[in-house]
């Protein structure tokens, strides 16, 4: 066991990181003389060869703590501390559509290294777009846009955030997301299977032929599932290319059904899944939502 004095700076959070070279060591921080390794509030006990991290909240005054490294086996490691003046900020804090899971990896000065996962917190479909502001953030290899279905999520990776950089995330109901909404409803009705909420398929070549189906999505958003069903049936009967495009979208999404059978079952109506359609169509989620992720 090794003990190291750790200085905690007033008004700043402290990151303590142990990077193992070999062996297995655990990390603890004792904030008071009464604390022991056994009852330490702040500790990190990952498996061998995994990085140990502890983040301490900002202190009201300068003080000293004790960092304890306990070796479970013979081990070598690098132990370092950084002090951070900024905190991860989400604006606005209250949102309906966009949920952000952010795990702080490391911080120094006023910059944070954060692993971010974005989630769609609604039972609707949205197209997410990302806009990076700030030199460091612009160099990150982030996805430009993607579609997320009900409760879907997208891990976008590690990003560096500071007061001079921010990540702007928008979620909007677009023609692309409406196409997936309609395909999802049809799949639920005919095959009994919902589309995966994390689909990553090419859709642009189908959009023109799927355009006549957009009024179906409008009716679903208003909660009028009867009108949505009648529009769907009417459009499919009048537009063979739209049926082909819808069939192609379902096929690319992993739903296998012959096109003739798809046409026949759509013609029978969607009453059997009216409860599902009503629940999705009546959802009062906004047309668009935006959140700014930064370090302040």
Protein backbone atom coordinates (compact mmCIF):
# COMPACT_ATOMS: atom_id res chain seq x y z
CA UNK A 1 0.00 0.00 0.00
CA UNK A 2 1.24 3.51 -0.85
CA UNK A 3 -0.08 6.84 0.44
CA UNK A 4 0.38 10.21 -1.29
CA UNK A 5 -0.66 13.65 -0.05
CA UNK A 6 -3.22 15.13 -2.47
CA UNK A 7 -3.82 18.88 -2.47
CA UNK A 8 -7.43 19.94 -3.17
CA UNK A 9 -7.79 23.44 -4.58
CA UNK A 10 -10.69 25.65 -3.50
CA UNK A 11 -13.42 25.94 -6.14
CA UNK A 12 -11.95 23.28 -8.45
CA UNK A 13 -12.81 19.64 -9.00
CA UNK A 14 -9.95 17.14 -8.74
CA UNK A 15 -9.39 14.23 -11.13
CA UNK A 16 -7.16 11.45 -9.83
CA UNK A 17 -6.13 8.85 -12.40
CA UNK A 18 -4.12 5.64 -12.05
CA UNK A 19 -2.92 4.06 -15.29
CA UNK A 20 -1.58 0.51 -14.75
CA UNK A 21 1.53 -0.70 -16.59
CA UNK A 22 1.18 -4.21 -15.21
CA UNK A 23 -0.49 -5.94 -12.28
CA UNK A 24 -3.58 -4.89 -10.36
CA UNK A 25 -3.86 -1.81 -8.14
CA UNK A 26 -6.93 -0.09 -6.68
CA UNK A 27 -7.30 3.61 -5.87
CA UNK A 28 -8.82 5.33 -2.83
CA UNK A 29 -9.07 8.91 -1.53
CA UNK A 30 -9.40 9.64 2.19
CA UNK A 31 -10.83 13.08 2.91
CA UNK A 32 -10.62 12.94 6.70
CA UNK A 33 -8.44 11.28 9.37
CA UNK A 34 -11.41 9.09 10.33
CA UNK A 35 -11.65 7.47 6.91
CA UNK A 36 -9.99 4.17 6.08
CA UNK A 37 -9.59 2.24 2.85
CA UNK A 38 -12.41 -0.05 3.99
CA UNK A 39 -14.96 2.77 4.43
CA UNK A 40 -13.62 5.28 1.87
CA UNK A 41 -16.38 7.22 0.11
CA UNK A 42 -14.27 7.78 -3.01
CA UNK A 43 -12.70 4.66 -4.52
CA UNK A 44 -12.06 2.89 -7.82
CA UNK A 45 -11.55 -0.88 -7.87
CA UNK A 46 -11.60 -1.97 -11.52
CA UNK A 47 -10.14 -5.30 -12.71
CA UNK A 48 -6.41 -5.69 -13.37
CA UNK A 49 -4.89 -3.51 -16.12
CA UNK A 50 -7.92 -1.20 -16.24
CA UNK A 51 -7.55 2.53 -15.54
CA UNK A 52 -8.75 3.69 -12.13
CA UNK A 53 -10.42 7.12 -11.95
CA UNK A 54 -11.77 9.19 -9.08
CA UNK A 55 -13.40 12.61 -9.46
CA UNK A 56 -13.63 14.73 -6.31
CA UNK A 57 -16.14 17.61 -6.04
CA UNK A 58 -14.97 21.19 -5.65
CA UNK A 59 -13.95 22.10 -2.10
CA UNK A 60 -15.00 25.26 -0.29
CA UNK A 61 -11.39 25.88 0.82
CA UNK A 62 -7.91 24.60 0.08
CA UNK A 63 -7.20 21.36 1.95
CA UNK A 64 -5.21 18.14 1.78
CA UNK A 65 -6.48 14.61 1.29
CA UNK A 66 -4.68 11.26 1.14
CA UNK A 67 -4.55 9.23 -2.08
CA UNK A 68 -4.06 5.53 -1.38
CA UNK A 69 -2.89 2.96 -3.92
CA UNK A 70 -3.44 -0.62 -2.77
CA UNK A 71 -1.71 -3.33 -4.80
CA UNK A 72 -3.62 -6.57 -5.18
CA UNK A 73 -0.61 -8.03 -7.00
CA UNK A 74 2.90 -6.80 -7.75
CA UNK A 75 2.25 -3.77 -9.93
CA UNK A 76 3.66 -0.71 -11.67
CA UNK A 77 1.54 2.30 -12.52
CA UNK A 78 1.40 6.01 -13.33
CA UNK A 79 -0.58 8.15 -10.88
CA UNK A 80 -1.47 11.76 -11.70
CA UNK A 81 -3.90 14.47 -10.64
CA UNK A 82 -5.48 17.34 -12.55
CA UNK A 83 -7.65 20.20 -11.33
CA UNK A 84 -10.65 21.40 -13.30
CA UNK A 85 -12.47 24.70 -13.00
CA UNK A 86 -15.30 23.93 -15.47
CA UNK A 87 -18.31 21.62 -15.37
CA UNK A 88 -20.31 19.89 -18.07
CA UNK A 89 -23.31 22.06 -18.96
CA UNK A 90 -26.49 21.14 -20.85
CA UNK A 91 -28.71 23.98 -22.08
CA UNK A 92 -31.64 23.83 -21.60
CA UNK A 93 -31.66 21.40 -18.70
CA UNK A 94 -35.29 20.35 -19.22
CA UNK A 95 -35.92 18.53 -22.50
CA UNK A 96 -38.51 16.13 -23.90
CA UNK A 97 -36.73 14.46 -26.83
CA UNK A 98 -32.95 14.54 -26.37
CA UNK A 99 -31.38 12.64 -23.47
CA UNK A 100 -27.61 13.00 -23.00
CA UNK A 101 -25.46 10.41 -21.24
CA UNK A 102 -22.07 12.03 -20.66
CA UNK A 103 -19.17 10.30 -18.90
CA UNK A 104 -16.27 12.54 -17.95
CA UNK A 105 -13.03 10.76 -18.82
CA UNK A 106 -10.54 13.44 -17.83
CA UNK A 107 -10.30 17.16 -17.15
CA UNK A 108 -7.60 19.79 -16.89
CA UNK A 109 -7.83 23.56 -16.51
CA UNK A 110 -11.16 24.49 -18.09
CA UNK A 111 -11.31 21.60 -20.62
CA UNK A 112 -13.12 18.28 -20.27
CA UNK A 113 -12.72 15.03 -22.18
CA UNK A 114 -16.20 13.48 -22.27
CA UNK A 115 -17.68 10.30 -23.75
CA UNK A 116 -21.19 11.10 -25.02
CA UNK A 117 -24.18 8.94 -25.89
CA UNK A 118 -27.34 10.57 -27.28
CA UNK A 119 -30.76 9.00 -26.75
CA UNK A 120 -34.24 9.61 -28.12
CA UNK A 121 -36.40 9.72 -24.99
CA UNK A 122 -39.73 9.52 -26.86
CA UNK A 123 -41.72 6.80 -28.68
CA UNK A 124 -41.51 8.83 -31.91
CA UNK A 125 -38.85 8.96 -34.67
CA UNK A 126 -36.40 11.87 -35.03
CA UNK A 127 -33.50 12.89 -37.22
CA UNK A 128 -30.55 14.03 -35.10
CA UNK A 129 -27.95 16.47 -36.43
CA UNK A 130 -24.70 17.58 -34.80
CA UNK A 131 -22.96 20.95 -35.14
CA UNK A 132 -19.47 21.43 -33.70
CA UNK A 133 -18.20 24.84 -32.63
CA UNK A 134 -14.59 25.39 -31.53
CA UNK A 135 -11.31 24.27 -33.12
CA UNK A 136 -10.73 21.18 -30.97
CA UNK A 137 -14.29 19.96 -31.31
CA UNK A 138 -14.32 20.49 -35.08
CA UNK A 139 -11.45 18.01 -35.36
CA UNK A 140 -13.50 15.26 -33.73
CA UNK A 141 -14.77 12.58 -36.11
CA UNK A 142 -18.45 12.79 -35.17
CA UNK A 143 -21.46 11.61 -37.17
CA UNK A 144 -23.17 14.48 -39.00
CA UNK A 145 -26.72 13.13 -38.79
CA UNK A 146 -28.56 9.94 -37.91
CA UNK A 147 -32.09 8.65 -37.29
CA UNK A 148 -33.20 7.40 -33.88
CA UNK A 149 -36.45 5.58 -33.21
CA UNK A 150 -38.30 5.08 -29.91
CA UNK A 151 -35.77 4.90 -27.07
CA UNK A 152 -32.94 4.57 -29.61
CA UNK A 153 -29.40 5.66 -28.78
CA UNK A 154 -26.20 6.61 -30.60
CA UNK A 155 -22.73 6.61 -29.05
CA UNK A 156 -20.85 9.49 -30.68
CA UNK A 157 -17.47 9.02 -28.98
CA UNK A 158 -15.03 11.19 -27.03
CA UNK A 159 -15.13 14.96 -27.41
CA UNK A 160 -13.13 17.80 -25.86
CA UNK A 161 -15.33 20.54 -24.41
CA UNK A 162 -14.30 23.94 -23.08
CA UNK A 163 -15.85 27.43 -22.72
CA UNK A 164 -14.69 28.13 -26.31
CA UNK A 165 -16.22 24.97 -27.79
CA UNK A 166 -19.68 23.49 -27.78
CA UNK A 167 -21.66 20.69 -29.37
CA UNK A 168 -25.11 21.66 -30.65
CA UNK A 169 -27.49 18.68 -30.99
CA UNK A 170 -30.81 19.03 -32.82
CA UNK A 171 -33.61 16.47 -33.06
CA UNK A 172 -36.28 17.15 -35.67
CA UNK A 173 -39.19 15.37 -37.31
CA UNK A 174 -38.14 15.36 -40.95
CA UNK A 175 -39.19 13.47 -44.08
CA UNK A 176 -36.51 10.90 -43.31
CA UNK A 177 -37.73 10.30 -39.77
CA UNK A 178 -41.37 10.28 -40.97
CA UNK A 179 -40.50 7.56 -43.50
CA UNK A 180 -39.17 5.40 -40.67
CA UNK A 181 -42.23 6.21 -38.54
CA UNK A 182 -44.57 4.99 -41.29
CA UNK A 183 -42.47 1.89 -41.99
CA UNK A 184 -42.41 1.13 -38.26
CA UNK A 185 -46.19 1.35 -38.02
CA UNK A 186 -46.65 -0.87 -41.10
CA UNK A 187 -44.17 -3.40 -39.75
CA UNK A 188 -45.92 -3.51 -36.38
CA UNK A 189 -49.29 -3.96 -38.08
CA UNK A 190 -48.36 -6.58 -40.67
CA UNK A 191 -45.37 -8.48 -39.31
CA UNK A 192 -45.88 -7.81 -35.61
CA UNK A 193 -42.29 -6.58 -35.30
CA UNK A 194 -41.08 -3.05 -34.61
CA UNK A 195 -38.13 -1.62 -36.51
CA UNK A 196 -34.83 -1.35 -34.66
CA UNK A 197 -34.59 2.18 -33.17
CA UNK A 198 -30.91 2.43 -34.18
CA UNK A 199 -31.15 1.79 -37.91
CA UNK A 200 -28.26 3.01 -40.04
CA UNK A 201 -29.41 2.42 -43.62
CA UNK A 202 -29.37 4.46 -46.83
CA UNK A 203 -32.75 6.07 -47.42
CA UNK A 204 -32.18 9.04 -49.72
CA UNK A 205 -32.78 7.12 -52.97
CA UNK A 206 -36.27 6.12 -51.72
CA UNK A 207 -37.44 9.50 -50.41
CA UNK A 208 -38.94 10.76 -53.67
CA UNK A 209 -41.20 7.72 -54.02
CA UNK A 210 -42.04 7.76 -50.29
CA UNK A 211 -43.13 11.42 -50.48
CA UNK A 212 -46.85 10.55 -51.04
CA UNK A 213 -46.86 8.80 -47.64
CA UNK A 214 -45.93 11.91 -45.64
CA UNK A 215 -49.61 12.80 -44.90
CA UNK A 216 -49.81 9.47 -43.07
CA UNK A 217 -47.21 10.70 -40.60
CA UNK A 218 -49.09 13.99 -40.17
CA UNK A 219 -52.26 12.08 -39.26
CA UNK A 220 -50.35 9.86 -36.82
CA UNK A 221 -48.92 12.91 -35.06
CA UNK A 222 -52.45 14.24 -34.59
CA UNK A 223 -53.52 10.91 -33.13
CA UNK A 224 -55.97 10.26 -36.00
CA UNK A 225 -55.06 6.63 -36.71
CA UNK A 226 -58.22 6.02 -38.79
CA UNK A 227 -57.29 8.77 -41.23
CA UNK A 228 -53.68 7.54 -41.24
CA UNK A 229 -54.85 4.07 -42.22
CA UNK A 230 -57.16 5.32 -44.98
CA UNK A 231 -54.46 7.56 -46.45
CA UNK A 232 -51.96 4.69 -46.40
CA UNK A 233 -54.34 2.36 -48.22
CA UNK A 234 -55.29 5.01 -50.79
CA UNK A 235 -51.69 5.97 -51.55
CA UNK A 236 -50.52 2.36 -51.92
CA UNK A 237 -53.38 1.58 -54.32
CA UNK A 238 -52.67 4.61 -56.51
CA UNK A 239 -48.85 4.59 -56.43
CA UNK A 240 -47.09 1.29 -57.28
CA UNK A 241 -43.69 3.03 -56.93
CA UNK A 242 -44.56 4.05 -53.37
CA UNK A 243 -45.39 0.45 -52.49
CA UNK A 244 -42.06 -0.65 -53.98
CA UNK A 245 -40.18 2.02 -52.03
CA UNK A 246 -41.93 1.09 -48.77
CA UNK A 247 -41.15 -2.57 -49.39
CA UNK A 248 -37.50 -1.69 -50.06
CA UNK A 249 -37.31 0.33 -46.83
CA UNK A 250 -38.71 -2.57 -44.82
CA UNK A 251 -36.32 -5.00 -46.52
CA UNK A 252 -33.30 -2.80 -45.76
CA UNK A 253 -34.52 -2.60 -42.18
CA UNK A 254 -34.42 -6.39 -41.88
CA UNK A 255 -38.17 -7.01 -42.33
CA UNK A 256 -38.73 -9.80 -44.88
CA UNK A 257 -42.18 -9.96 -46.46
CA UNK A 258 -43.19 -10.48 -50.12
CA UNK A 259 -44.34 -7.27 -51.78
CA UNK A 260 -47.66 -8.80 -52.90
CA UNK A 261 -48.42 -9.91 -49.34
CA UNK A 262 -47.47 -6.47 -48.04
CA UNK A 263 -49.94 -4.89 -50.48
CA UNK A 264 -52.71 -7.31 -49.52
CA UNK A 265 -52.30 -6.84 -45.77
CA UNK A 266 -52.17 -3.04 -46.04
CA UNK A 267 -55.46 -3.22 -47.94
CA UNK A 268 -57.06 -5.05 -45.01
CA UNK A 269 -56.58 -1.97 -42.81
CA UNK A 270 -54.73 -1.31 -39.58
CA UNK A 271 -57.50 -1.74 -37.01
CA UNK A 272 -55.76 -4.65 -35.29
CA UNK A 273 -53.00 -2.36 -34.04
CA UNK A 274 -55.09 0.73 -33.39
CA UNK A 275 -53.85 0.88 -29.80
CA UNK A 276 -50.21 1.02 -30.89
CA UNK A 277 -50.91 3.60 -33.58
CA UNK A 278 -52.96 5.71 -31.20
CA UNK A 279 -50.19 5.66 -28.59
CA UNK A 280 -47.57 6.78 -31.09
CA UNK A 281 -49.79 9.16 -33.06
CA UNK A 282 -51.09 10.94 -29.96
CA UNK A 283 -47.57 11.60 -28.66
CA UNK A 284 -47.22 15.34 -28.07
CA UNK A 285 -43.48 15.43 -28.65
CA UNK A 286 -42.25 18.68 -30.24
CA UNK A 287 -41.46 19.09 -33.91
CA UNK A 288 -37.90 20.09 -33.05
CA UNK A 289 -35.66 20.26 -29.99
CA UNK A 290 -32.09 21.46 -29.45
CA UNK A 291 -29.52 21.08 -26.68
CA UNK A 292 -26.10 22.71 -26.33
CA UNK A 293 -23.40 20.63 -24.63
CA UNK A 294 -20.44 22.60 -23.32
CA UNK A 295 -18.06 23.08 -20.40
CA UNK A 296 -18.53 26.25 -18.36
